[in-house]
Amino acid sequence: MPKVNFILDEDVREELVRIIPRRQRSRLVNEAIKKELLRMKRAQALSKLLDLRKKSATFSAREIQEALGKDRSRS
């Protein structure tokens, strides 16, 4: 597994060392980064969806029901 060097704030490092046992720190940092990356990807996806929504036509519930009814009656 490749190693990565990064800098932590002193107070974060102190808590990490104080609270997390020696052989569990990498796992904790890895899981925290995974969660944050997933959160960031979801936020980006939501932002893209909201942008697309602004550019799309909007329909009322009634219009959607009418269109579905017409489509279903063709079958």
N, C-alpha and C. Protein backbone atom coordinates (compact mmCIF):
# COMPACT_ATOMS: atom_id res chain seq x y z
N MET A 1 0.84 -1.17 0.00
CA MET A 1 0.00 0.00 0.00
C MET A 1 0.90 1.24 0.00
N PRO A 2 0.61 2.18 -0.90
CA PRO A 2 1.46 3.37 -0.97
C PRO A 2 1.26 4.28 0.24
N LYS A 3 2.31 4.98 0.59
CA LYS A 3 2.24 5.93 1.70
C LYS A 3 2.03 7.33 1.15
N VAL A 4 1.35 8.14 1.95
CA VAL A 4 1.09 9.53 1.59
C VAL A 4 1.46 10.38 2.79
N ASN A 5 2.14 11.47 2.53
CA ASN A 5 2.49 12.40 3.60
C ASN A 5 1.59 13.61 3.52
N PHE A 6 1.08 14.04 4.66
CA PHE A 6 0.30 15.27 4.73
C PHE A 6 0.47 15.86 6.11
N ILE A 7 0.07 17.10 6.24
CA ILE A 7 0.27 17.83 7.50
C ILE A 7 -1.07 17.99 8.21
N LEU A 8 -1.07 17.71 9.49
CA LEU A 8 -2.26 17.91 10.33
C LEU A 8 -2.03 19.11 11.23
N ASP A 9 -3.12 19.76 11.60
CA ASP A 9 -3.01 20.79 12.63
C ASP A 9 -2.52 20.11 13.91
N GLU A 10 -1.76 20.83 14.70
CA GLU A 10 -1.17 20.25 15.91
C GLU A 10 -2.22 19.69 16.85
N ASP A 11 -3.33 20.42 17.04
CA ASP A 11 -4.35 19.95 17.96
C ASP A 11 -5.03 18.67 17.45
N VAL A 12 -5.19 18.54 16.14
CA VAL A 12 -5.77 17.33 15.56
C VAL A 12 -4.82 16.16 15.76
N ARG A 13 -3.54 16.40 15.50
CA ARG A 13 -2.53 15.34 15.68
C ARG A 13 -2.48 14.87 17.12
N GLU A 14 -2.52 15.81 18.05
CA GLU A 14 -2.46 15.45 19.46
C GLU A 14 -3.65 14.58 19.87
N GLU A 15 -4.83 14.94 19.41
CA GLU A 15 -6.01 14.12 19.74
C GLU A 15 -5.93 12.76 19.09
N LEU A 16 -5.49 12.72 17.85
CA LEU A 16 -5.35 11.45 17.14
C LEU A 16 -4.41 10.51 17.91
N VAL A 17 -3.28 11.03 18.32
CA VAL A 17 -2.30 10.23 19.05
C VAL A 17 -2.84 9.83 20.43
N ARG A 18 -3.56 10.73 21.06
CA ARG A 18 -4.07 10.47 22.41
C ARG A 18 -5.22 9.46 22.40
N ILE A 19 -6.11 9.56 21.42
CA ILE A 19 -7.33 8.76 21.43
C ILE A 19 -7.22 7.44 20.66
N ILE A 20 -6.54 7.46 19.53
CA ILE A 20 -6.51 6.30 18.64
C ILE A 20 -5.24 5.49 18.86
N PRO A 21 -5.38 4.19 19.10
CA PRO A 21 -4.19 3.34 19.29
C PRO A 21 -3.28 3.36 18.05
N ARG A 22 -2.02 3.13 18.29
CA ARG A 22 -0.97 3.25 17.28
C ARG A 22 -1.30 2.55 15.95
N ARG A 23 -1.71 1.33 15.95
CA ARG A 23 -1.91 0.59 14.70
C ARG A 23 -3.29 0.77 14.07
N GLN A 24 -4.06 1.72 14.61
CA GLN A 24 -5.40 1.96 14.06
C GLN A 24 -5.53 3.35 13.43
N ARG A 25 -4.53 4.15 13.51
CA ARG A 25 -4.61 5.54 13.03
C ARG A 25 -4.76 5.63 11.52
N SER A 26 -4.00 4.85 10.79
CA SER A 26 -4.09 4.89 9.33
C SER A 26 -5.48 4.49 8.87
N ARG A 27 -6.03 3.46 9.50
CA ARG A 27 -7.37 3.00 9.13
C ARG A 27 -8.39 4.11 9.37
N LEU A 28 -8.29 4.77 10.51
CA LEU A 28 -9.21 5.86 10.84
C LEU A 28 -9.11 6.98 9.82
N VAL A 29 -7.90 7.41 9.50
CA VAL A 29 -7.70 8.50 8.54
C VAL A 29 -8.22 8.08 7.16
N ASN A 30 -7.94 6.85 6.76
CA ASN A 30 -8.40 6.34 5.47
C ASN A 30 -9.93 6.35 5.39
N GLU A 31 -10.59 5.87 6.42
CA GLU A 31 -12.06 5.84 6.43
C GLU A 31 -12.64 7.26 6.45
N ALA A 32 -12.02 8.15 7.20
CA ALA A 32 -12.50 9.53 7.25
C ALA A 32 -12.38 10.20 5.87
N ILE A 33 -11.28 9.95 5.19
CA ILE A 33 -11.09 10.52 3.85
C ILE A 33 -12.10 9.93 2.88
N LYS A 34 -12.33 8.62 2.95
CA LYS A 34 -13.33 7.99 2.08
C LYS A 34 -14.70 8.63 2.27
N LYS A 35 -15.10 8.82 3.52
CA LYS A 35 -16.41 9.42 3.81
C LYS A 35 -16.49 10.85 3.28
N GLU A 36 -15.43 11.61 3.46
CA GLU A 36 -15.44 12.99 3.00
C GLU A 36 -15.45 13.06 1.47
N LEU A 37 -14.70 12.19 0.81
CA LEU A 37 -14.71 12.16 -0.65
C LEU A 37 -16.10 11.79 -1.18
N LEU A 38 -16.75 10.83 -0.55
CA LEU A 38 -18.10 10.45 -0.95
C LEU A 38 -19.06 11.62 -0.75
N ARG A 39 -18.94 12.32 0.37
CA ARG A 39 -19.78 13.48 0.63
C ARG A 39 -19.57 14.55 -0.43
N MET A 40 -18.32 14.78 -0.80
CA MET A 40 -18.00 15.79 -1.81
C MET A 40 -18.53 15.39 -3.19
N LYS A 41 -18.39 14.11 -3.53
CA LYS A 41 -18.92 13.64 -4.83
C LYS A 41 -20.43 13.78 -4.88
N ARG A 42 -21.10 13.46 -3.79
CA ARG A 42 -22.56 13.61 -3.74
C ARG A 42 -22.96 15.07 -3.87
N ALA A 43 -22.24 15.95 -3.22
CA ALA A 43 -22.54 17.38 -3.30
C ALA A 43 -22.35 17.89 -4.73
N GLN A 44 -21.30 17.43 -5.40
CA GLN A 44 -21.08 17.81 -6.80
C GLN A 44 -22.19 17.28 -7.69
N ALA A 45 -22.60 16.03 -7.47
CA ALA A 45 -23.67 15.45 -8.27
C ALA A 45 -24.98 16.22 -8.06
N LEU A 46 -25.27 16.57 -6.82
CA LEU A 46 -26.48 17.34 -6.52
C LEU A 46 -26.43 18.70 -7.21
N SER A 47 -25.28 19.34 -7.17
CA SER A 47 -25.12 20.64 -7.82
C SER A 47 -25.38 20.52 -9.32
N LYS A 48 -24.86 19.48 -9.94
CA LYS A 48 -25.10 19.26 -11.38
C LYS A 48 -26.57 19.01 -11.66
N LEU A 49 -27.22 18.21 -10.81
CA LEU A 49 -28.64 17.95 -10.99
C LEU A 49 -29.47 19.22 -10.86
N LEU A 50 -29.13 20.05 -9.88
CA LEU A 50 -29.86 21.30 -9.69
C LEU A 50 -29.65 22.24 -10.87
N ASP A 51 -28.44 22.27 -11.43
CA ASP A 51 -28.18 23.08 -12.62
C ASP A 51 -29.01 22.57 -13.80
N LEU A 52 -29.05 21.25 -13.99
CA LEU A 52 -29.85 20.68 -15.06
C LEU A 52 -31.33 20.99 -14.87
N ARG A 53 -31.77 20.93 -13.63
CA ARG A 53 -33.17 21.20 -13.33
C ARG A 53 -33.55 22.62 -13.72
N LYS A 54 -32.64 23.57 -13.52
CA LYS A 54 -32.90 24.96 -13.89
C LYS A 54 -33.06 25.11 -15.39
N LYS A 55 -32.35 24.28 -16.17
CA LYS A 55 -32.36 24.37 -17.63
C LYS A 55 -33.51 23.57 -18.25
N SER A 56 -34.15 22.71 -17.47
CA SER A 56 -35.18 21.82 -17.99
C SER A 56 -36.56 22.47 -17.88
N ALA A 57 -37.45 21.94 -18.71
CA ALA A 57 -38.84 22.38 -18.62
C ALA A 57 -39.44 21.81 -17.35
N THR A 58 -40.37 22.55 -16.78
CA THR A 58 -41.05 22.05 -15.58
C THR A 58 -42.50 21.74 -15.92
N PHE A 59 -43.03 20.73 -15.28
CA PHE A 59 -44.39 20.29 -15.51
C PHE A 59 -45.11 20.18 -14.18
N SER A 60 -46.39 20.47 -14.20
CA SER A 60 -47.19 20.32 -13.00
C SER A 60 -47.54 18.84 -12.83
N ALA A 61 -48.00 18.48 -11.66
CA ALA A 61 -48.42 17.09 -11.42
C ALA A 61 -49.55 16.72 -12.36
N ARG A 62 -50.43 17.65 -12.61
CA ARG A 62 -51.55 17.39 -13.52
C ARG A 62 -51.07 17.10 -14.93
N GLU A 63 -50.11 17.89 -15.41
CA GLU A 63 -49.56 17.67 -16.76
C GLU A 63 -48.88 16.30 -16.86
N ILE A 64 -48.20 15.92 -15.84
CA ILE A 64 -47.53 14.61 -15.83
C ILE A 64 -48.57 13.50 -15.86
N GLN A 65 -49.60 13.63 -15.05
CA GLN A 65 -50.66 12.61 -15.03
C GLN A 65 -51.35 12.51 -16.39
N GLU A 66 -51.63 13.64 -17.02
CA GLU A 66 -52.27 13.63 -18.33
C GLU A 66 -51.38 12.95 -19.38
N ALA A 67 -50.10 13.28 -19.36
CA ALA A 67 -49.17 12.67 -20.32
C ALA A 67 -49.07 11.17 -20.09
N LEU A 68 -49.01 10.74 -18.83
CA LEU A 68 -48.96 9.31 -18.54
C LEU A 68 -50.25 8.61 -18.99
N GLY A 69 -51.39 9.28 -18.75
CA GLY A 69 -52.66 8.71 -19.17
C GLY A 69 -52.74 8.53 -20.69
N LYS A 70 -52.29 9.52 -21.43
CA LYS A 70 -52.27 9.43 -22.90
C LYS A 70 -51.34 8.30 -23.35
N ASP A 71 -50.17 8.22 -22.73
CA ASP A 71 -49.20 7.19 -23.10
C ASP A 71 -49.75 5.80 -22.81
N ARG A 72 -50.38 5.63 -21.69
CA ARG A 72 -50.93 4.33 -21.30
C ARG A 72 -52.12 3.92 -22.19
N SER A 73 -52.87 4.90 -22.65
CA SER A 73 -54.03 4.60 -23.49
C SER A 73 -53.63 4.15 -24.88
N ARG A 74 -52.38 4.43 -25.28
CA ARG A 74 -51.91 4.00 -26.60
C ARG A 74 -51.64 2.51 -26.65
N SER A 75 -51.44 1.89 -25.52
CA SER A 75 -51.10 0.46 -25.47
C SER A 75 -52.29 -0.42 -25.72
